[in-house]
Amino acid sequence: MLQLTLVPLLSVDFIAPDLIIIFLVYLTLKNGQLYGTFFGFIFGFLFDLISGGLLGSSMFAKTLSAFVAGFFYKDKKIEDSLNVFTLSVVVLISSFINAVFYSLLGANQIPLSFVSVIFIHGLLPAVYTTLISFPFSILGIGRKFL
């Protein structure tokens, strides 16, 4: 619900952070790839239902993002996976994958160029999401609740 109510207020020229991806990366790095992939599917499905967007676009993008984030999961070194640098890199990669695939699958605009998909719809939201994730990772907010 925060993603649909609070985040539009933080958007800059239709570029918005994805709080779901930040939470999903925390879950994946703490509990593993299978766990994260499952919840990526669930969160994406719920987001598609609540937002009224194309059913399956966010579901696929978030599932794929969590699957990729799961490659950074370390079974014996969970605290290393949740440090500021690793978390920021994984959020950047996962958010980029999520934004690119969501824009490709759920785009309202028919003429999407390669440059706009990669930079405007992919890289800019990924960087913004990573910047928003810094307070969570520095303060360790996710570690307390997960």
N, C-alpha and C. Protein backbone atom coordinates (compact mmCIF):
# COMPACT_ATOMS: atom_id res chain seq x y z
N MET A 1 0.82 -1.20 0.00
CA MET A 1 0.00 0.00 0.00
C MET A 1 0.86 1.26 0.00
N LEU A 2 2.02 1.19 0.71
CA LEU A 2 2.91 2.35 0.72
C LEU A 2 3.43 2.66 -0.68
N GLN A 3 3.66 1.63 -1.46
CA GLN A 3 4.18 1.83 -2.80
C GLN A 3 3.18 2.62 -3.67
N LEU A 4 1.93 2.41 -3.45
CA LEU A 4 0.92 3.09 -4.27
C LEU A 4 0.46 4.43 -3.69
N THR A 5 0.66 4.65 -2.38
CA THR A 5 0.18 5.89 -1.78
C THR A 5 1.29 6.89 -1.48
N LEU A 6 2.39 6.44 -0.91
CA LEU A 6 3.46 7.33 -0.50
C LEU A 6 4.47 7.60 -1.62
N VAL A 7 4.81 6.59 -2.36
CA VAL A 7 5.86 6.71 -3.38
C VAL A 7 5.53 7.70 -4.49
N PRO A 8 4.29 7.81 -4.96
CA PRO A 8 4.02 8.85 -5.97
C PRO A 8 4.34 10.26 -5.49
N LEU A 9 4.31 10.48 -4.19
CA LEU A 9 4.69 11.79 -3.66
C LEU A 9 6.19 12.02 -3.74
N LEU A 10 6.97 10.94 -3.78
CA LEU A 10 8.43 11.03 -3.87
C LEU A 10 8.94 10.99 -5.30
N SER A 11 8.05 10.79 -6.26
CA SER A 11 8.50 10.64 -7.64
C SER A 11 8.98 11.97 -8.20
N VAL A 12 9.99 11.86 -9.04
CA VAL A 12 10.56 13.02 -9.71
C VAL A 12 10.41 12.79 -11.20
N ASP A 13 9.53 13.56 -11.83
CA ASP A 13 9.29 13.44 -13.27
C ASP A 13 8.96 11.99 -13.66
N PHE A 14 8.04 11.38 -12.93
CA PHE A 14 7.57 10.01 -13.15
C PHE A 14 8.63 8.95 -12.89
N ILE A 15 9.72 9.30 -12.24
CA ILE A 15 10.73 8.33 -11.83
C ILE A 15 10.55 8.14 -10.33
N ALA A 16 10.21 6.92 -9.93
CA ALA A 16 9.87 6.67 -8.53
C ALA A 16 10.67 5.49 -8.00
N PRO A 17 10.98 5.52 -6.71
CA PRO A 17 11.66 4.37 -6.11
C PRO A 17 10.68 3.22 -5.90
N ASP A 18 11.21 2.03 -5.74
CA ASP A 18 10.37 0.85 -5.53
C ASP A 18 10.68 0.28 -4.15
N LEU A 19 9.81 0.58 -3.19
CA LEU A 19 10.00 0.11 -1.82
C LEU A 19 9.84 -1.40 -1.71
N ILE A 20 9.05 -1.97 -2.59
CA ILE A 20 8.85 -3.42 -2.58
C ILE A 20 10.15 -4.14 -2.89
N ILE A 21 10.91 -3.61 -3.83
CA ILE A 21 12.19 -4.23 -4.19
C ILE A 21 13.16 -4.17 -3.02
N ILE A 22 13.20 -3.05 -2.31
CA ILE A 22 14.09 -2.94 -1.16
C ILE A 22 13.75 -4.01 -0.13
N PHE A 23 12.47 -4.14 0.18
CA PHE A 23 12.03 -5.15 1.15
C PHE A 23 12.30 -6.56 0.62
N LEU A 24 12.08 -6.76 -0.65
CA LEU A 24 12.30 -8.07 -1.26
C LEU A 24 13.78 -8.46 -1.25
N VAL A 25 14.66 -7.51 -1.47
CA VAL A 25 16.10 -7.81 -1.41
C VAL A 25 16.50 -8.17 0.02
N TYR A 26 15.97 -7.44 1.00
CA TYR A 26 16.23 -7.81 2.39
C TYR A 26 15.80 -9.24 2.68
N LEU A 27 14.58 -9.57 2.28
CA LEU A 27 14.09 -10.93 2.51
C LEU A 27 14.95 -11.98 1.83
N THR A 28 15.34 -11.70 0.61
CA THR A 28 16.12 -12.66 -0.17
C THR A 28 17.51 -12.85 0.42
N LEU A 29 18.17 -11.77 0.78
CA LEU A 29 19.52 -11.87 1.33
C LEU A 29 19.52 -12.50 2.72
N LYS A 30 18.43 -12.40 3.41
CA LYS A 30 18.36 -12.98 4.75
C LYS A 30 17.94 -14.45 4.73
N ASN A 31 17.05 -14.82 3.80
CA ASN A 31 16.45 -16.15 3.84
C ASN A 31 16.77 -17.05 2.65
N GLY A 32 17.31 -16.52 1.59
CA GLY A 32 17.71 -17.36 0.47
C GLY A 32 16.92 -17.11 -0.81
N GLN A 33 17.42 -17.72 -1.88
CA GLN A 33 16.90 -17.48 -3.22
C GLN A 33 15.48 -18.02 -3.40
N LEU A 34 15.22 -19.21 -2.94
CA LEU A 34 13.89 -19.79 -3.11
C LEU A 34 12.83 -18.99 -2.35
N TYR A 35 13.16 -18.62 -1.14
CA TYR A 35 12.26 -17.81 -0.31
C TYR A 35 11.98 -16.47 -0.99
N GLY A 36 13.03 -15.81 -1.44
CA GLY A 36 12.88 -14.51 -2.10
C GLY A 36 12.10 -14.60 -3.39
N THR A 37 12.36 -15.64 -4.18
CA THR A 37 11.65 -15.82 -5.44
C THR A 37 10.16 -16.04 -5.20
N PHE A 38 9.84 -16.83 -4.19
CA PHE A 38 8.44 -17.07 -3.85
C PHE A 38 7.75 -15.76 -3.46
N PHE A 39 8.40 -14.98 -2.59
CA PHE A 39 7.78 -13.73 -2.16
C PHE A 39 7.81 -12.67 -3.25
N GLY A 40 8.76 -12.74 -4.16
CA GLY A 40 8.74 -11.86 -5.32
C GLY A 40 7.50 -12.10 -6.16
N PHE A 41 7.16 -13.37 -6.33
CA PHE A 41 5.94 -13.73 -7.05
C PHE A 41 4.71 -13.20 -6.31
N ILE A 42 4.65 -13.42 -5.01
CA ILE A 42 3.49 -13.00 -4.22
C ILE A 42 3.36 -11.48 -4.21
N PHE A 43 4.46 -10.77 -3.92
CA PHE A 43 4.40 -9.30 -3.87
C PHE A 43 4.06 -8.71 -5.23
N GLY A 44 4.63 -9.28 -6.29
CA GLY A 44 4.32 -8.80 -7.63
C GLY A 44 2.87 -9.03 -8.00
N PHE A 45 2.35 -10.19 -7.64
CA PHE A 45 0.95 -10.51 -7.92
C PHE A 45 0.03 -9.55 -7.17
N LEU A 46 0.32 -9.33 -5.88
CA LEU A 46 -0.51 -8.42 -5.10
C LEU A 46 -0.41 -6.99 -5.63
N PHE A 47 0.78 -6.58 -6.03
CA PHE A 47 0.93 -5.24 -6.60
C PHE A 47 0.13 -5.10 -7.89
N ASP A 48 0.17 -6.12 -8.73
CA ASP A 48 -0.62 -6.08 -9.96
C ASP A 48 -2.11 -6.00 -9.67
N LEU A 49 -2.58 -6.75 -8.69
CA LEU A 49 -4.00 -6.72 -8.34
C LEU A 49 -4.42 -5.36 -7.77
N ILE A 50 -3.63 -4.84 -6.86
CA ILE A 50 -3.99 -3.59 -6.19
C ILE A 50 -3.84 -2.39 -7.11
N SER A 51 -2.78 -2.38 -7.92
CA SER A 51 -2.52 -1.22 -8.77
C SER A 51 -3.42 -1.16 -9.99
N GLY A 52 -3.97 -2.29 -10.39
CA GLY A 52 -4.82 -2.32 -11.57
C GLY A 52 -4.03 -2.35 -12.86
N GLY A 53 -2.74 -2.62 -12.76
CA GLY A 53 -1.91 -2.70 -13.96
C GLY A 53 -2.10 -4.02 -14.67
N LEU A 54 -1.33 -4.22 -15.70
CA LEU A 54 -1.39 -5.45 -16.47
C LEU A 54 -1.01 -6.62 -15.57
N LEU A 55 -1.91 -7.55 -15.39
CA LEU A 55 -1.69 -8.68 -14.49
C LEU A 55 -0.55 -9.55 -15.01
N GLY A 56 0.47 -9.69 -14.21
CA GLY A 56 1.61 -10.52 -14.55
C GLY A 56 2.88 -9.75 -14.83
N SER A 57 2.77 -8.47 -15.15
CA SER A 57 3.97 -7.70 -15.48
C SER A 57 4.84 -7.47 -14.25
N SER A 58 4.27 -6.99 -13.19
CA SER A 58 5.03 -6.79 -11.96
C SER A 58 5.37 -8.13 -11.32
N MET A 59 4.49 -9.08 -11.45
CA MET A 59 4.72 -10.41 -10.89
C MET A 59 5.98 -11.03 -11.49
N PHE A 60 6.12 -10.96 -12.82
CA PHE A 60 7.29 -11.51 -13.47
C PHE A 60 8.55 -10.71 -13.12
N ALA A 61 8.45 -9.38 -13.15
CA ALA A 61 9.61 -8.53 -12.89
C ALA A 61 10.13 -8.71 -11.47
N LYS A 62 9.26 -8.78 -10.49
CA LYS A 62 9.70 -8.93 -9.10
C LYS A 62 10.19 -10.34 -8.82
N THR A 63 9.60 -11.34 -9.43
CA THR A 63 10.09 -12.70 -9.28
C THR A 63 11.49 -12.84 -9.85
N LEU A 64 11.72 -12.30 -11.02
CA LEU A 64 13.04 -12.34 -11.64
C LEU A 64 14.05 -11.55 -10.83
N SER A 65 13.67 -10.40 -10.31
CA SER A 65 14.56 -9.58 -9.49
C SER A 65 14.98 -10.30 -8.21
N ALA A 66 14.03 -10.94 -7.56
CA ALA A 66 14.35 -11.68 -6.34
C ALA A 66 15.22 -12.90 -6.65
N PHE A 67 14.98 -13.54 -7.77
CA PHE A 67 15.80 -14.68 -8.18
C PHE A 67 17.25 -14.25 -8.37
N VAL A 68 17.46 -13.13 -9.04
CA VAL A 68 18.81 -12.61 -9.25
C VAL A 68 19.44 -12.19 -7.93
N ALA A 69 18.66 -11.55 -7.06
CA ALA A 69 19.18 -11.15 -5.74
C ALA A 69 19.60 -12.37 -4.93
N GLY A 70 18.95 -13.49 -5.15
CA GLY A 70 19.28 -14.72 -4.43
C GLY A 70 20.67 -15.24 -4.72
N PHE A 71 21.27 -14.85 -5.83
CA PHE A 71 22.64 -15.27 -6.12
C PHE A 71 23.65 -14.62 -5.17
N PHE A 72 23.25 -13.56 -4.47
CA PHE A 72 24.12 -12.89 -3.53
C PHE A 72 23.92 -13.39 -2.10
N TYR A 73 23.03 -14.33 -1.92
CA TYR A 73 22.76 -14.90 -0.60
C TYR A 73 23.92 -15.79 -0.18
N LYS A 74 24.37 -15.60 1.06
CA LYS A 74 25.43 -16.44 1.62
C LYS A 74 24.87 -17.11 2.86
N ASP A 75 24.78 -18.42 2.83
CA ASP A 75 24.13 -19.17 3.89
C ASP A 75 24.80 -18.96 5.24
N LYS A 76 26.10 -19.02 5.28
CA LYS A 76 26.81 -18.92 6.56
C LYS A 76 27.15 -17.48 6.95
N LYS A 77 27.04 -16.54 6.01
CA LYS A 77 27.46 -15.17 6.25
C LYS A 77 26.33 -14.19 5.94
N ILE A 78 25.23 -14.31 6.64
CA ILE A 78 24.07 -13.47 6.39
C ILE A 78 24.38 -12.01 6.71
N GLU A 79 25.13 -11.75 7.77
CA GLU A 79 25.49 -10.37 8.13
C GLU A 79 26.34 -9.72 7.05
N ASP A 80 27.20 -10.50 6.37
CA ASP A 80 27.99 -9.96 5.27
C ASP A 80 27.09 -9.57 4.10
N SER A 81 26.04 -10.34 3.90
CA SER A 81 25.11 -10.04 2.80
C SER A 81 24.30 -8.79 3.07
N LEU A 82 24.12 -8.46 4.33
CA LEU A 82 23.28 -7.32 4.68
C LEU A 82 24.09 -6.06 5.02
N ASN A 83 25.39 -6.04 4.68
CA ASN A 83 26.15 -4.82 4.92
C ASN A 83 25.74 -3.76 3.90
N VAL A 84 26.13 -2.53 4.14
CA VAL A 84 25.64 -1.40 3.35
C VAL A 84 26.05 -1.53 1.88
N PHE A 85 27.30 -1.88 1.61
CA PHE A 85 27.77 -1.95 0.23
C PHE A 85 27.08 -3.07 -0.54
N THR A 86 27.07 -4.27 0.02
CA THR A 86 26.46 -5.41 -0.67
C THR A 86 24.98 -5.18 -0.90
N LEU A 87 24.31 -4.69 0.11
CA LEU A 87 22.88 -4.43 -0.01
C LEU A 87 22.60 -3.39 -1.09
N SER A 88 23.40 -2.35 -1.14
CA SER A 88 23.21 -1.30 -2.15
C SER A 88 23.42 -1.83 -3.56
N VAL A 89 24.45 -2.64 -3.74
CA VAL A 89 24.72 -3.21 -5.07
C VAL A 89 23.59 -4.15 -5.49
N VAL A 90 23.13 -4.97 -4.57
CA VAL A 90 22.06 -5.92 -4.90
C VAL A 90 20.75 -5.18 -5.17
N VAL A 91 20.47 -4.14 -4.40
CA VAL A 91 19.27 -3.33 -4.65
C VAL A 91 19.36 -2.67 -6.02
N LEU A 92 20.53 -2.16 -6.37
CA LEU A 92 20.72 -1.51 -7.68
C LEU A 92 20.48 -2.51 -8.81
N ILE A 93 21.08 -3.68 -8.72
CA ILE A 93 20.92 -4.70 -9.77
C ILE A 93 19.48 -5.18 -9.86
N SER A 94 18.91 -5.52 -8.71
CA SER A 94 17.53 -6.03 -8.69
C SER A 94 16.53 -4.99 -9.14
N SER A 95 16.73 -3.77 -8.71
CA SER A 95 15.82 -2.69 -9.11
C SER A 95 15.93 -2.41 -10.61
N PHE A 96 17.13 -2.47 -11.15
CA PHE A 96 17.30 -2.28 -12.59
C PHE A 96 16.57 -3.37 -13.37
N ILE A 97 16.73 -4.61 -12.97
CA ILE A 97 16.06 -5.72 -13.64
C ILE A 97 14.54 -5.56 -13.53
N ASN A 98 14.08 -5.22 -12.34
CA ASN A 98 12.65 -5.03 -12.14
C ASN A 98 12.10 -3.91 -13.02
N ALA A 99 12.80 -2.79 -13.05
CA ALA A 99 12.31 -1.63 -13.81
C ALA A 99 12.31 -1.90 -15.31
N VAL A 100 13.35 -2.55 -15.80
CA VAL A 100 13.43 -2.83 -17.24
C VAL A 100 12.32 -3.79 -17.67
N PHE A 101 12.18 -4.89 -16.94
CA PHE A 101 11.16 -5.86 -17.35
C PHE A 101 9.75 -5.36 -17.12
N TYR A 102 9.55 -4.57 -16.07
CA TYR A 102 8.22 -4.01 -15.84
C TYR A 102 7.87 -3.02 -16.94
N SER A 103 8.84 -2.22 -17.37
CA SER A 103 8.55 -1.25 -18.44
C SER A 103 8.33 -1.95 -19.77
N LEU A 104 9.03 -3.05 -20.00
CA LEU A 104 8.82 -3.79 -21.25
C LEU A 104 7.46 -4.49 -21.28
N LEU A 105 7.07 -5.08 -20.15
CA LEU A 105 5.83 -5.87 -20.12
C LEU A 105 4.59 -5.04 -19.85
N GLY A 106 4.72 -3.98 -19.05
CA GLY A 106 3.53 -3.24 -18.66
C GLY A 106 3.47 -1.83 -19.18
N ALA A 107 4.21 -1.55 -20.23
CA ALA A 107 4.29 -0.18 -20.74
C ALA A 107 3.00 0.23 -21.45
N ASN A 108 2.58 1.44 -21.17
CA ASN A 108 1.43 2.01 -21.87
C ASN A 108 1.86 2.61 -23.19
N GLN A 109 3.12 3.03 -23.25
CA GLN A 109 3.64 3.67 -24.44
C GLN A 109 4.10 2.60 -25.42
N ILE A 110 3.59 2.63 -26.60
CA ILE A 110 3.97 1.63 -27.60
C ILE A 110 5.39 1.84 -28.10
N PRO A 111 5.81 3.05 -28.48
CA PRO A 111 7.17 3.20 -29.01
C PRO A 111 8.20 3.35 -27.89
N LEU A 112 8.79 2.25 -27.47
CA LEU A 112 9.86 2.28 -26.49
C LEU A 112 11.18 2.03 -27.23
N SER A 113 12.11 2.92 -27.06
CA SER A 113 13.41 2.72 -27.68
C SER A 113 14.33 2.01 -26.69
N PHE A 114 15.40 1.45 -27.20
CA PHE A 114 16.37 0.75 -26.37
C PHE A 114 16.96 1.70 -25.33
N VAL A 115 17.28 2.91 -25.74
CA VAL A 115 17.87 3.89 -24.84
C VAL A 115 16.90 4.27 -23.73
N SER A 116 15.64 4.47 -24.07
CA SER A 116 14.67 4.85 -23.03
C SER A 116 14.41 3.71 -22.06
N VAL A 117 14.38 2.49 -22.55
CA VAL A 117 14.16 1.35 -21.65
C VAL A 117 15.33 1.18 -20.69
N ILE A 118 16.55 1.28 -21.20
CA ILE A 118 17.72 1.05 -20.36
C ILE A 118 17.96 2.22 -19.41
N PHE A 119 17.96 3.44 -19.92
CA PHE A 119 18.34 4.57 -19.09
C PHE A 119 17.17 5.21 -18.35
N ILE A 120 16.13 5.58 -19.06
CA ILE A 120 15.04 6.32 -18.42
C ILE A 120 14.16 5.40 -17.58
N HIS A 121 13.78 4.26 -18.12
CA HIS A 121 12.89 3.35 -17.40
C HIS A 121 13.63 2.33 -16.54
N GLY A 122 14.93 2.16 -16.74
CA GLY A 122 15.68 1.17 -16.00
C GLY A 122 16.67 1.74 -15.02
N LEU A 123 17.64 2.49 -15.51
CA LEU A 123 18.74 2.96 -14.67
C LEU A 123 18.32 4.06 -13.69
N LEU A 124 17.54 5.02 -14.14
CA LEU A 124 17.14 6.11 -13.24
C LEU A 124 16.30 5.63 -12.06
N PRO A 125 15.27 4.80 -12.27
CA PRO A 125 14.54 4.28 -11.10
C PRO A 125 15.41 3.38 -10.22
N ALA A 126 16.35 2.66 -10.82
CA ALA A 126 17.23 1.79 -10.03
C ALA A 126 18.14 2.62 -9.12
N VAL A 127 18.69 3.69 -9.65
CA VAL A 127 19.55 4.55 -8.84
C VAL A 127 18.73 5.23 -7.74
N TYR A 128 17.53 5.68 -8.06
CA TYR A 128 16.67 6.33 -7.07
C TYR A 128 16.28 5.34 -5.97
N THR A 129 15.95 4.12 -6.34
CA THR A 129 15.61 3.10 -5.35
C THR A 129 16.81 2.80 -4.46
N THR A 130 18.00 2.74 -5.05
CA THR A 130 19.21 2.49 -4.26
C THR A 130 19.46 3.62 -3.28
N LEU A 131 19.26 4.85 -3.70
CA LEU A 131 19.44 5.99 -2.79
C LEU A 131 18.44 5.95 -1.63
N ILE A 132 17.22 5.55 -1.93
CA ILE A 132 16.20 5.43 -0.88
C ILE A 132 16.54 4.28 0.07
N SER A 133 17.25 3.26 -0.41
CA SER A 133 17.58 2.11 0.44
C SER A 133 18.71 2.40 1.42
N PHE A 134 19.49 3.46 1.21
CA PHE A 134 20.61 3.76 2.11
C PHE A 134 20.19 3.93 3.57
N PRO A 135 19.16 4.70 3.88
CA PRO A 135 18.78 4.80 5.30
C PRO A 135 18.40 3.46 5.92
N PHE A 136 17.74 2.61 5.14
CA PHE A 136 17.36 1.29 5.66
C PHE A 136 18.59 0.45 5.96
N SER A 137 19.57 0.49 5.07
CA SER A 137 20.75 -0.34 5.26
C SER A 137 21.69 0.23 6.32
N ILE A 138 21.84 1.55 6.38
CA ILE A 138 22.73 2.15 7.36
C ILE A 138 22.17 1.99 8.78
N LEU A 139 20.88 2.21 8.93
CA LEU A 139 20.27 2.08 10.24
C LEU A 139 19.96 0.64 10.62
N GLY A 140 20.05 -0.25 9.66
CA GLY A 140 19.78 -1.67 9.94
C GLY A 140 18.33 -1.95 10.23
N ILE A 141 17.44 -1.18 9.64
CA ILE A 141 16.01 -1.33 9.91
C ILE A 141 15.51 -2.71 9.53
N GLY A 142 15.95 -3.21 8.38
CA GLY A 142 15.49 -4.53 7.92
C GLY A 142 15.94 -5.66 8.79
N ARG A 143 17.13 -5.54 9.40
CA ARG A 143 17.66 -6.62 10.24
C ARG A 143 16.85 -6.79 11.52
N LYS A 144 16.25 -5.71 12.00
CA LYS A 144 15.49 -5.79 13.24
C LYS A 144 14.16 -6.52 13.05
N PHE A 145 13.56 -6.37 11.88
CA PHE A 145 12.23 -6.92 11.66
C PHE A 145 12.23 -8.26 10.98
N LEU A 146 13.32 -8.62 10.31
CA LEU A 146 13.31 -9.86 9.54
C LEU A 146 13.97 -10.93 10.31
